[in-house]
Amino acid sequence: MAQTVTECLASGTDSVTLIDAVKAGTHDVTGLTQAEINELVQRNVDHLSAILLYEPDASDATDDTPNVKGAAGSKKTTHVAAVTTGTDYIAAN
């Protein structure tokens, strides 16, 4: 069974939470260097960015990939914001 847009976005919720917590200083990063923290944030930004680009192949009528890319913005707001937050965090640190 194909995933829905909602299910795809749900798979990124942990990344949203982690990025927001790192920025807020509430995620335990004890023992990590700033470079390692930035790598952690970048991996999660990359994960969210990949999810946000999901879309079916227009040339393949059997492709049941959910159209996250084309979904209404309100469904993706927290994910898009987390990508921006993570990117800004890395740039600042």
C-alpha atoms as a PDB file:
ATOM      1  CA  MET A   1       0.000   0.000   0.000  1.00  0.00           C
ATOM      2  CA  ALA A   2       1.302   3.433  -0.917  1.00  0.00           C
ATOM      3  CA  GLN A   3       2.046   5.996   1.743  1.00  0.00           C
ATOM      4  CA  THR A   4      -0.011   9.151   2.000  1.00  0.00           C
ATOM      5  CA  VAL A   5       1.356  12.688   2.188  1.00  0.00           C
ATOM      6  CA  THR A   6       0.444  12.718   5.878  1.00  0.00           C
ATOM      7  CA  GLU A   7       2.376   9.502   6.516  1.00  0.00           C
ATOM      8  CA  CYS A   8       5.419  10.847   4.687  1.00  0.00           C
ATOM      9  CA  LEU A   9       5.351  14.039   6.711  1.00  0.00           C
ATOM     10  CA  ALA A  10       4.886  12.051   9.921  1.00  0.00           C
ATOM     11  CA  SER A  11       8.145  10.244   9.163  1.00  0.00           C
ATOM     12  CA  GLY A  12       9.899  13.605   9.402  1.00  0.00           C
ATOM     13  CA  THR A  13       8.392  14.668  12.719  1.00  0.00           C
ATOM     14  CA  ASP A  14      11.381  13.409  14.736  1.00  0.00           C
ATOM     15  CA  SER A  15      13.690  15.510  12.560  1.00  0.00           C
ATOM     16  CA  VAL A  16      11.545  18.604  13.138  1.00  0.00           C
ATOM     17  CA  THR A  17      11.598  17.962  16.891  1.00  0.00           C
ATOM     18  CA  LEU A  18      15.361  17.402  16.979  1.00  0.00           C
ATOM     19  CA  ILE A  19      16.203  20.535  14.968  1.00  0.00           C
ATOM     20  CA  ASP A  20      13.946  22.693  17.129  1.00  0.00           C
ATOM     21  CA  ALA A  21      15.366  21.203  20.339  1.00  0.00           C
ATOM     22  CA  VAL A  22      18.994  21.716  19.267  1.00  0.00           C
ATOM     23  CA  LYS A  23      18.268  25.348  18.468  1.00  0.00           C
ATOM     24  CA  ALA A  24      16.434  25.817  21.791  1.00  0.00           C
ATOM     25  CA  GLY A  25      19.284  24.168  23.682  1.00  0.00           C
ATOM     26  CA  THR A  26      17.059  21.426  25.076  1.00  0.00           C
ATOM     27  CA  HIS A  27      18.483  18.504  23.090  1.00  0.00           C
ATOM     28  CA  ASP A  28      21.266  16.689  24.961  1.00  0.00           C
ATOM     29  CA  VAL A  29      24.442  17.200  22.950  1.00  0.00           C
ATOM     30  CA  THR A  30      26.796  16.397  25.804  1.00  0.00           C
ATOM     31  CA  GLY A  31      30.135  15.198  24.484  1.00  0.00           C
ATOM     32  CA  LEU A  32      29.558  16.443  20.941  1.00  0.00           C
ATOM     33  CA  THR A  33      31.676  19.102  19.316  1.00  0.00           C
ATOM     34  CA  GLN A  34      29.957  21.956  17.511  1.00  0.00           C
ATOM     35  CA  ALA A  35      30.976  20.353  14.217  1.00  0.00           C
ATOM     36  CA  GLU A  36      29.272  17.109  15.274  1.00  0.00           C
ATOM     37  CA  ILE A  37      26.147  18.981  16.350  1.00  0.00           C
ATOM     38  CA  ASN A  38      26.078  20.738  12.985  1.00  0.00           C
ATOM     39  CA  GLU A  39      26.410  17.364  11.223  1.00  0.00           C
ATOM     40  CA  LEU A  40      23.507  16.021  13.294  1.00  0.00           C
ATOM     41  CA  VAL A  41      21.353  18.985  12.351  1.00  0.00           C
ATOM     42  CA  GLN A  42      22.412  18.741   8.689  1.00  0.00           C
ATOM     43  CA  ARG A  43      21.424  15.066   8.478  1.00  0.00           C
ATOM     44  CA  ASN A  44      17.979  15.967   9.736  1.00  0.00           C
ATOM     45  CA  VAL A  45      17.692  18.956   7.392  1.00  0.00           C
ATOM     46  CA  ASP A  46      18.638  16.637   4.527  1.00  0.00           C
ATOM     47  CA  HIS A  47      16.016  14.093   5.618  1.00  0.00           C
ATOM     48  CA  LEU A  48      13.281  16.733   5.699  1.00  0.00           C
ATOM     49  CA  SER A  49      14.407  18.244   2.408  1.00  0.00           C
ATOM     50  CA  ALA A  50      14.177  14.843   0.729  1.00  0.00           C
ATOM     51  CA  ILE A  51      10.677  14.234   2.103  1.00  0.00           C
ATOM     52  CA  LEU A  52       9.505  17.658   0.940  1.00  0.00           C
ATOM     53  CA  LEU A  53      10.578  16.812  -2.625  1.00  0.00           C
ATOM     54  CA  TYR A  54       8.611  13.540  -2.894  1.00  0.00           C
ATOM     55  CA  GLU A  55       6.397  13.525  -5.965  1.00  0.00           C
ATOM     56  CA  PRO A  56       5.235  10.909  -8.434  1.00  0.00           C
ATOM     57  CA  ASP A  57       7.015  10.550 -11.743  1.00  0.00           C
ATOM     58  CA  ALA A  58       4.675  12.222 -14.238  1.00  0.00           C
ATOM     59  CA  SER A  59       5.810   9.856 -16.982  1.00  0.00           C
ATOM     60  CA  ASP A  60       4.891   6.745 -14.964  1.00  0.00           C
ATOM     61  CA  ALA A  61       1.152   6.248 -14.520  1.00  0.00           C
ATOM     62  CA  THR A  62       1.793   3.469 -11.992  1.00  0.00           C
ATOM     63  CA  ASP A  63       4.015   5.570  -9.703  1.00  0.00           C
ATOM     64  CA  ASP A  64       2.150   5.833  -6.401  1.00  0.00           C
ATOM     65  CA  THR A  65       4.673   8.111  -4.701  1.00  0.00           C
ATOM     66  CA  PRO A  66       2.708  10.653  -2.662  1.00  0.00           C
ATOM     67  CA  ASN A  67       2.877  14.214  -3.944  1.00  0.00           C
ATOM     68  CA  VAL A  68       4.380  15.885  -0.896  1.00  0.00           C
ATOM     69  CA  LYS A  69       6.007  18.527  -3.087  1.00  0.00           C
ATOM     70  CA  GLY A  70       2.639  19.561  -4.491  1.00  0.00           C
ATOM     71  CA  ALA A  71       0.671  19.265  -1.241  1.00  0.00           C
ATOM     72  CA  ALA A  72      -0.929  22.300   0.317  1.00  0.00           C
ATOM     73  CA  GLY A  73       1.589  24.383   2.247  1.00  0.00           C
ATOM     74  CA  SER A  74      -0.222  24.196   5.578  1.00  0.00           C
ATOM     75  CA  LYS A  75       0.475  20.461   5.767  1.00  0.00           C
ATOM     76  CA  LYS A  76       4.197  21.117   5.371  1.00  0.00           C
ATOM     77  CA  THR A  77       4.624  24.319   7.405  1.00  0.00           C
ATOM     78  CA  THR A  78       6.502  22.829  10.359  1.00  0.00           C
ATOM     79  CA  HIS A  79       8.794  20.811   8.092  1.00  0.00           C
ATOM     80  CA  VAL A  80       9.684  23.775   5.892  1.00  0.00           C
ATOM     81  CA  ALA A  81      10.260  25.905   8.996  1.00  0.00           C
ATOM     82  CA  ALA A  82      12.545  23.248  10.506  1.00  0.00           C
ATOM     83  CA  VAL A  83      14.665  23.160   7.332  1.00  0.00           C
ATOM     84  CA  THR A  84      15.076  26.938   7.600  1.00  0.00           C
ATOM     85  CA  THR A  85      15.772  26.758  11.337  1.00  0.00           C
ATOM     86  CA  GLY A  86      18.379  24.029  10.872  1.00  0.00           C
ATOM     87  CA  THR A  87      20.085  25.787   7.979  1.00  0.00           C
ATOM     88  CA  ASP A  88      20.203  29.055   9.937  1.00  0.00           C
ATOM     89  CA  TYR A  89      21.514  27.252  13.034  1.00  0.00           C
ATOM     90  CA  ILE A  90      24.373  25.691  11.085  1.00  0.00           C
ATOM     91  CA  ALA A  91      25.248  29.012   9.443  1.00  0.00           C
ATOM     92  CA  ALA A  92      25.381  30.705  12.838  1.00  0.00           C
ATOM     93  CA  ASN A  93      27.476  27.981  14.476  1.00  0.00           C
END
